[in-house]
C-alpha atoms as a PDB file:
ATOM      1  CA  MET A   1       2.101 -14.969  27.061  1.00  0.00           C
ATOM      2  CA  SER A   2       3.981 -14.096  23.403  1.00  0.00           C
ATOM      3  CA  LYS A   3       2.947 -11.187  21.578  1.00  0.00           C
ATOM      4  CA  PRO A   4       0.882 -11.781  18.250  1.00  0.00           C
ATOM      5  CA  PRO A   5       2.510 -11.322  15.188  1.00  0.00           C
ATOM      6  CA  ARG A   6       1.324  -7.503  13.932  1.00  0.00           C
ATOM      7  CA  ILE A   7       0.856  -6.509  10.735  1.00  0.00           C
ATOM      8  CA  LEU A   8       2.033  -2.748  10.178  1.00  0.00           C
ATOM      9  CA  LEU A   9      -0.765  -1.053   7.862  1.00  0.00           C
ATOM     10  CA  THR A  10      -0.025   2.511   6.517  1.00  0.00           C
ATOM     11  CA  GLY A  11      -2.573   5.048   4.902  1.00  0.00           C
ATOM     12  CA  PHE A  12      -1.313   8.907   3.856  1.00  0.00           C
ATOM     13  CA  THR A  13      -2.037  12.158   4.807  1.00  0.00           C
ATOM     14  CA  PRO A  14      -4.201  14.089   2.115  1.00  0.00           C
ATOM     15  CA  PHE A  15      -2.443  15.767  -0.989  1.00  0.00           C
ATOM     16  CA  GLY A  16      -3.176  17.899  -3.514  1.00  0.00           C
ATOM     17  CA  ASN A  17      -6.558  19.760  -3.636  1.00  0.00           C
ATOM     18  CA  GLU A  18      -7.949  16.830  -1.414  1.00  0.00           C
ATOM     19  CA  VAL A  19      -9.366  17.264   2.380  1.00  0.00           C
ATOM     20  CA  ILE A  20      -9.378  13.390   2.868  1.00  0.00           C
ATOM     21  CA  ASN A  21      -7.424  10.471   1.759  1.00  0.00           C
ATOM     22  CA  PRO A  22      -9.345   7.113   1.342  1.00  0.00           C
ATOM     23  CA  SER A  23      -6.011   5.497   2.008  1.00  0.00           C
ATOM     24  CA  TRP A  24      -6.362   6.183   5.722  1.00  0.00           C
ATOM     25  CA  GLU A  25     -10.385   6.983   5.675  1.00  0.00           C
ATOM     26  CA  ALA A  26     -10.111   2.870   5.533  1.00  0.00           C
ATOM     27  CA  VAL A  27      -6.746   1.738   7.092  1.00  0.00           C
ATOM     28  CA  ARG A  28      -7.590   3.328  10.439  1.00  0.00           C
ATOM     29  CA  LEU A  29     -10.782   1.650  11.205  1.00  0.00           C
ATOM     30  CA  LEU A  30      -8.733  -1.849  11.324  1.00  0.00           C
ATOM     31  CA  HIS A  31      -6.534  -0.333  13.841  1.00  0.00           C
ATOM     32  CA  ASP A  32      -6.086  -3.362  16.509  1.00  0.00           C
ATOM     33  CA  GLN A  33      -8.513  -5.679  14.816  1.00  0.00           C
ATOM     34  CA  ARG A  34      -7.203  -9.082  14.705  1.00  0.00           C
ATOM     35  CA  ILE A  35      -6.998 -10.967  11.517  1.00  0.00           C
ATOM     36  CA  ALA A  36      -5.583 -14.623  11.104  1.00  0.00           C
ATOM     37  CA  ASP A  37      -4.013 -14.126  14.491  1.00  0.00           C
ATOM     38  CA  HIS A  38      -1.979 -11.174  13.957  1.00  0.00           C
ATOM     39  CA  ARG A  39      -2.565  -7.994  15.270  1.00  0.00           C
ATOM     40  CA  VAL A  40      -3.142  -4.803  12.992  1.00  0.00           C
ATOM     41  CA  VAL A  41      -1.483  -1.381  14.019  1.00  0.00           C
ATOM     42  CA  ALA A  42      -2.290   0.750  11.489  1.00  0.00           C
ATOM     43  CA  HIS A  43       0.018   4.156  10.984  1.00  0.00           C
ATOM     44  CA  LEU A  44      -0.766   7.230   9.212  1.00  0.00           C
ATOM     45  CA  LEU A  45       2.011   8.493   7.007  1.00  0.00           C
ATOM     46  CA  PRO A  46       2.729  12.428   6.113  1.00  0.00           C
ATOM     47  CA  THR A  47       2.827  12.456   2.065  1.00  0.00           C
ATOM     48  CA  ALA A  48       6.181  13.913   1.680  1.00  0.00           C
ATOM     49  CA  PHE A  49       9.556  12.174   0.751  1.00  0.00           C
ATOM     50  CA  GLU A  50      11.732  12.371   4.038  1.00  0.00           C
ATOM     51  CA  ASP A  51       9.493  12.897   6.110  1.00  0.00           C
ATOM     52  CA  SER A  52       7.423   9.487   5.134  1.00  0.00           C
ATOM     53  CA  ARG A  53      10.709   7.570   5.279  1.00  0.00           C
ATOM     54  CA  ARG A  54      11.586   8.825   8.770  1.00  0.00           C
ATOM     55  CA  GLU A  55       7.830   7.602  10.365  1.00  0.00           C
ATOM     56  CA  LEU A  56       8.376   4.222   8.423  1.00  0.00           C
ATOM     57  CA  GLU A  57      11.912   3.854  10.017  1.00  0.00           C
ATOM     58  CA  ALA A  58      10.456   4.866  13.080  1.00  0.00           C
ATOM     59  CA  VAL A  59       6.939   2.422  12.943  1.00  0.00           C
ATOM     60  CA  VAL A  60       8.360  -0.300  12.114  1.00  0.00           C
ATOM     61  CA  HIS A  61      11.555  -0.300  14.628  1.00  0.00           C
ATOM     62  CA  GLU A  62       8.796   0.331  17.319  1.00  0.00           C
ATOM     63  CA  VAL A  63       5.964  -2.331  16.102  1.00  0.00           C
ATOM     64  CA  GLU A  64       8.501  -5.212  14.315  1.00  0.00           C
ATOM     65  CA  PRO A  65       5.964  -6.472  12.091  1.00  0.00           C
ATOM     66  CA  SER A  66       5.535  -9.447  10.349  1.00  0.00           C
ATOM     67  CA  ILE A  67       4.122  -8.249   7.541  1.00  0.00           C
ATOM     68  CA  LEU A  68       3.800  -4.359   5.803  1.00  0.00           C
ATOM     69  CA  LEU A  69       0.865  -3.279   4.006  1.00  0.00           C
ATOM     70  CA  GLY A  70       1.262  -0.158   2.353  1.00  0.00           C
ATOM     71  CA  VAL A  71      -2.134   1.751   1.094  1.00  0.00           C
ATOM     72  CA  GLY A  72      -2.461   4.619  -1.430  1.00  0.00           C
ATOM     73  CA  GLN A  73      -4.696   6.701  -3.369  1.00  0.00           C
ATOM     74  CA  ALA A  74      -4.499   6.662  -7.099  1.00  0.00           C
ATOM     75  CA  GLY A  75      -7.172   8.731  -8.276  1.00  0.00           C
ATOM     76  CA  GLY A  76      -8.494   7.929 -11.699  1.00  0.00           C
ATOM     77  CA  ARG A  77      -8.583   3.976 -11.310  1.00  0.00           C
ATOM     78  CA  SER A  78     -11.655   2.182 -10.975  1.00  0.00           C
ATOM     79  CA  ARG A  79     -10.016  -0.722  -9.232  1.00  0.00           C
ATOM     80  CA  LEU A  80      -8.308  -1.863  -6.365  1.00  0.00           C
ATOM     81  CA  SER A  81      -4.724  -2.018  -7.630  1.00  0.00           C
ATOM     82  CA  ILE A  82      -2.277  -4.833  -5.799  1.00  0.00           C
ATOM     83  CA  GLU A  83       1.202  -3.440  -6.546  1.00  0.00           C
ATOM     84  CA  ARG A  84       3.287  -5.860  -8.039  1.00  0.00           C
ATOM     85  CA  VAL A  85       6.761  -4.300  -7.961  1.00  0.00           C
ATOM     86  CA  ALA A  86       8.523  -0.846  -6.533  1.00  0.00           C
ATOM     87  CA  ILE A  87      11.390   1.439  -8.407  1.00  0.00           C
ATOM     88  CA  ASN A  88      14.476   2.891  -7.608  1.00  0.00           C
ATOM     89  CA  VAL A  89      13.150   5.907  -8.687  1.00  0.00           C
ATOM     90  CA  GLN A  90      11.659   9.429  -7.156  1.00  0.00           C
ATOM     91  CA  ASP A  91       9.972  11.315  -9.973  1.00  0.00           C
ATOM     92  CA  ALA A  92       7.620  14.052  -8.926  1.00  0.00           C
ATOM     93  CA  ARG A  93       5.643  15.708 -11.309  1.00  0.00           C
ATOM     94  CA  LEU A  94       4.010  17.733  -8.264  1.00  0.00           C
ATOM     95  CA  PRO A  95       5.407  18.667  -4.967  1.00  0.00           C
ATOM     96  CA  ASP A  96       4.531  16.524  -1.882  1.00  0.00           C
ATOM     97  CA  ASN A  97       3.607  18.532   1.038  1.00  0.00           C
ATOM     98  CA  THR A  98       6.248  20.255   2.124  1.00  0.00           C
ATOM     99  CA  GLY A  99       7.304  21.409  -1.144  1.00  0.00           C
ATOM    100  CA  ALA A 100       9.826  18.836  -1.974  1.00  0.00           C
ATOM    101  CA  GLN A 101      10.061  17.662  -5.704  1.00  0.00           C
ATOM    102  CA  PRO A 102      12.747  15.304  -6.637  1.00  0.00           C
ATOM    103  CA  ILE A 103      13.174  14.878  -9.871  1.00  0.00           C
ATOM    104  CA  ASP A 104      15.248  11.331 -11.029  1.00  0.00           C
ATOM    105  CA  GLU A 105      16.784  10.539  -7.504  1.00  0.00           C
ATOM    106  CA  ALA A 106      17.000   6.917  -6.281  1.00  0.00           C
ATOM    107  CA  VAL A 107      14.636   6.028  -3.161  1.00  0.00           C
ATOM    108  CA  VAL A 108      17.602   4.162  -1.628  1.00  0.00           C
ATOM    109  CA  PRO A 109      21.105   5.160  -3.129  1.00  0.00           C
ATOM    110  CA  GLY A 110      22.727   2.017  -4.608  1.00  0.00           C
ATOM    111  CA  GLY A 111      20.060   0.347  -4.005  1.00  0.00           C
ATOM    112  CA  PRO A 112      18.426  -2.524  -6.305  1.00  0.00           C
ATOM    113  CA  ALA A 113      16.761  -1.598  -9.315  1.00  0.00           C
ATOM    114  CA  ALA A 114      13.254  -2.627  -8.151  1.00  0.00           C
ATOM    115  CA  TYR A 115      12.102  -5.005  -5.665  1.00  0.00           C
ATOM    116  CA  PHE A 116       8.686  -7.808  -6.173  1.00  0.00           C
ATOM    117  CA  SER A 117       6.247  -7.792  -3.613  1.00  0.00           C
ATOM    118  CA  THR A 118       6.995 -10.546  -1.250  1.00  0.00           C
ATOM    119  CA  LEU A 119       3.135 -10.954  -0.443  1.00  0.00           C
ATOM    120  CA  PRO A 120       0.882 -13.558  -2.271  1.00  0.00           C
ATOM    121  CA  ILE A 121      -0.326 -11.152  -4.695  1.00  0.00           C
ATOM    122  CA  LYS A 122      -2.397 -13.547  -7.006  1.00  0.00           C
ATOM    123  CA  ALA A 123      -3.775 -15.279  -4.297  1.00  0.00           C
ATOM    124  CA  MET A 124      -5.034 -11.992  -2.843  1.00  0.00           C
ATOM    125  CA  LEU A 125      -6.307 -11.203  -6.421  1.00  0.00           C
ATOM    126  CA  ALA A 126      -8.206 -14.410  -6.172  1.00  0.00           C
ATOM    127  CA  ALA A 127      -9.894 -13.877  -3.373  1.00  0.00           C
ATOM    128  CA  LEU A 128     -10.996 -10.479  -3.517  1.00  0.00           C
ATOM    129  CA  GLN A 129     -12.775 -11.400  -7.189  1.00  0.00           C
ATOM    130  CA  ALA A 130     -14.226 -14.291  -5.444  1.00  0.00           C
ATOM    131  CA  GLU A 131     -15.750 -11.327  -2.899  1.00  0.00           C
ATOM    132  CA  GLY A 132     -17.403  -9.942  -5.889  1.00  0.00           C
ATOM    133  CA  LEU A 133     -14.352  -6.632  -5.870  1.00  0.00           C
ATOM    134  CA  PRO A 134     -13.235  -5.203  -8.905  1.00  0.00           C
ATOM    135  CA  VAL A 135      -9.420  -5.701  -8.592  1.00  0.00           C
ATOM    136  CA  GLU A 136      -5.908  -5.807 -10.727  1.00  0.00           C
ATOM    137  CA  ILE A 137      -2.522  -6.654 -10.566  1.00  0.00           C
ATOM    138  CA  SER A 138      -0.462  -3.277 -11.109  1.00  0.00           C
ATOM    139  CA  ASN A 139       2.421  -3.101 -12.809  1.00  0.00           C
ATOM    140  CA  THR A 140       3.446   0.373 -11.507  1.00  0.00           C
ATOM    141  CA  ALA A 141       2.898   2.209  -8.712  1.00  0.00           C
ATOM    142  CA  GLY A 142       3.736   5.285  -9.606  1.00  0.00           C
ATOM    143  CA  THR A 143       7.172   7.557  -8.847  1.00  0.00           C
ATOM    144  CA  PHE A 144       5.144   9.568  -5.808  1.00  0.00           C
ATOM    145  CA  VAL A 145       5.274   9.021  -2.547  1.00  0.00           C
ATOM    146  CA  CYS A 146       3.285   5.711  -3.085  1.00  0.00           C
ATOM    147  CA  ASN A 147       5.837   4.031  -5.073  1.00  0.00           C
ATOM    148  CA  HIS A 148       8.796   5.616  -2.469  1.00  0.00           C
ATOM    149  CA  ILE A 149       7.109   4.083   0.658  1.00  0.00           C
ATOM    150  CA  ALA A 150       6.516   0.667  -0.950  1.00  0.00           C
ATOM    151  CA  TYR A 151      10.542   0.412  -2.051  1.00  0.00           C
ATOM    152  CA  LEU A 152      11.181   1.524   1.219  1.00  0.00           C
ATOM    153  CA  MET A 153       8.688  -1.355   2.569  1.00  0.00           C
ATOM    154  CA  LEU A 154      10.469  -3.753   0.506  1.00  0.00           C
ATOM    155  CA  HIS A 155      13.810  -2.334   1.400  1.00  0.00           C
ATOM    156  CA  GLU A 156      13.459  -3.305   5.040  1.00  0.00           C
ATOM    157  CA  ALA A 157      11.540  -6.755   4.412  1.00  0.00           C
ATOM    158  CA  ALA A 158      14.595  -7.618   2.675  1.00  0.00           C
ATOM    159  CA  GLN A 159      16.812  -6.388   5.425  1.00  0.00           C
ATOM    160  CA  ARG A 160      15.053  -8.488   7.964  1.00  0.00           C
ATOM    161  CA  GLN A 161      13.990 -11.940   8.063  1.00  0.00           C
ATOM    162  CA  GLY A 162      10.635 -13.196   8.224  1.00  0.00           C
ATOM    163  CA  MET A 163       8.749 -10.017   6.964  1.00  0.00           C
ATOM    164  CA  ARG A 164       6.840  -9.782   3.925  1.00  0.00           C
ATOM    165  CA  ALA A 165       5.583  -6.198   2.672  1.00  0.00           C
ATOM    166  CA  GLY A 166       3.804  -4.966  -0.474  1.00  0.00           C
ATOM    167  CA  PHE A 167       1.799  -2.643  -1.539  1.00  0.00           C
ATOM    168  CA  MET A 168      -2.065  -1.595  -2.879  1.00  0.00           C
ATOM    169  CA  HIS A 169      -3.565   1.305  -4.021  1.00  0.00           C
ATOM    170  CA  ILE A 170      -7.348   1.849  -3.707  1.00  0.00           C
ATOM    171  CA  PRO A 171      -9.814   4.180  -6.115  1.00  0.00           C
ATOM    172  CA  TYR A 172     -11.359   7.913  -4.718  1.00  0.00           C
ATOM    173  CA  LEU A 173     -14.166   7.542  -2.138  1.00  0.00           C
ATOM    174  CA  PRO A 174     -17.728   8.631  -3.499  1.00  0.00           C
ATOM    175  CA  GLU A 175     -17.300  11.796  -1.408  1.00  0.00           C
ATOM    176  CA  GLN A 176     -14.012  13.031  -3.845  1.00  0.00           C
ATOM    177  CA  ALA A 177     -15.392  11.732  -7.038  1.00  0.00           C
ATOM    178  CA  VAL A 178     -18.662  13.550  -6.454  1.00  0.00           C
ATOM    179  CA  ARG A 179     -16.380  16.820  -7.250  1.00  0.00           C
ATOM    180  CA  LEU A 180     -14.822  14.910  -9.986  1.00  0.00           C
ATOM    181  CA  PRO A 181     -16.770  14.386 -13.413  1.00  0.00           C
ATOM    182  CA  GLN A 182     -16.765  10.673 -14.538  1.00  0.00           C
ATOM    183  CA  ALA A 183     -13.889   9.772 -11.943  1.00  0.00           C
ATOM    184  CA  PRO A 184     -14.319   6.117 -10.863  1.00  0.00           C
ATOM    185  CA  SER A 185     -14.662   5.664  -7.087  1.00  0.00           C
ATOM    186  CA  MET A 186     -15.273   3.120  -4.310  1.00  0.00           C
ATOM    187  CA  ALA A 187     -17.154   2.723  -1.086  1.00  0.00           C
ATOM    188  CA  LYS A 188     -15.493   2.996   1.738  1.00  0.00           C
ATOM    189  CA  ASP A 189     -16.895  -0.250   3.600  1.00  0.00           C
ATOM    190  CA  ASP A 190     -15.441  -2.022  -0.065  1.00  0.00           C
ATOM    191  CA  VAL A 191     -12.241  -0.817   0.841  1.00  0.00           C
ATOM    192  CA  VAL A 192     -12.225  -2.115   4.387  1.00  0.00           C
ATOM    193  CA  ARG A 193     -13.559  -5.661   3.085  1.00  0.00           C
ATOM    194  CA  ALA A 194     -10.598  -5.434   0.933  1.00  0.00           C
ATOM    195  CA  LEU A 195      -8.023  -4.974   3.261  1.00  0.00           C
ATOM    196  CA  THR A 196      -9.462  -7.371   5.753  1.00  0.00           C
ATOM    197  CA  VAL A 197      -9.650  -9.883   3.254  1.00  0.00           C
ATOM    198  CA  VAL A 198      -5.787  -9.291   1.756  1.00  0.00           C
ATOM    199  CA  LEU A 199      -4.976  -9.219   4.850  1.00  0.00           C
ATOM    200  CA  ARG A 200      -6.024 -12.707   5.743  1.00  0.00           C
ATOM    201  CA  VAL A 201      -4.692 -14.049   3.024  1.00  0.00           C
ATOM    202  CA  ALA A 202      -1.311 -12.605   3.011  1.00  0.00           C
ATOM    203  CA  ALA A 203      -1.281 -13.795   7.382  1.00  0.00           C
ATOM    204  CA  ARG A 204      -2.162 -17.521   6.273  1.00  0.00           C
ATOM    205  CA  GLN A 205      -0.244 -17.594   2.538  1.00  0.00           C
ATOM    206  CA  VAL A 206       3.522 -17.091   1.987  1.00  0.00           C
ATOM    207  CA  ILE A 207       4.140 -19.165  -1.708  1.00  0.00           C
ATOM    208  CA  ASP A 208       1.736 -17.471  -3.940  1.00  0.00           C
ATOM    209  CA  ASP A 209      -0.564 -19.228  -6.375  1.00  0.00           C
ATOM    210  CA  ARG A 210      -0.090 -19.692  -9.782  1.00  0.00           C
ATOM    211  CA  LEU A 211      -2.348 -17.612 -11.822  1.00  0.00           C
ATOM    212  CA  GLY A 212      -2.537 -15.754 -15.298  1.00  0.00           C
ATOM    213  CA  ALA A 213      -3.010 -11.804 -14.496  1.00  0.00           C
ATOM    214  CA  GLY A 214      -0.650 -10.188 -16.201  1.00  0.00           C
ATOM    215  CA  THR A 215      -1.743  -7.353 -19.279  1.00  0.00           C
ATOM    216  CA  LEU A 216      -1.158  -7.215 -22.710  1.00  0.00           C
ATOM    217  CA  ASP A 217       0.079  -3.432 -22.603  1.00  0.00           C
END
């Protein structure tokens, strides 16, 4: 019997002064779940530029997923942010967890300036809105390790026929936000529900919906 197609879902280790990372706290709960006939493989990536690159390359080789979705923390954002684009720049305002702080360096030397998500981001947006979850299309994944991984996932997908990839940022969990006055947060159960919804859409739909979801600034 053939194996079901697989989704590689990644989260990150804590960084900065945090003791948890909401991305991994949510992502790990979906490990080995079946979503739209796909098996989810959840994997923890280090919040470090070079270590995350090596880890991602190894797990993609091992899992051979048809869909890659990276998830990362965006403290300060109040909505689930489906990323439209990843850029070929590493510009770290803070050091990563190994102390590395690349400035104005390429993620992939000689690679394209940017990659657009190859997941149906507008259909994912509409599905989350229908669930009553706060969500937006984001046009920047930053220039830290999240963008680094988003770019690498899309670069991998560009080299492999039939593989699609994207990235989503999530807010703090309430237990993080309680220490930060006025910081927005989202309950873990809602994040897990959101990930389940977007993965179901991604697994079932290749061609995206045509919906206006741009910004004026």
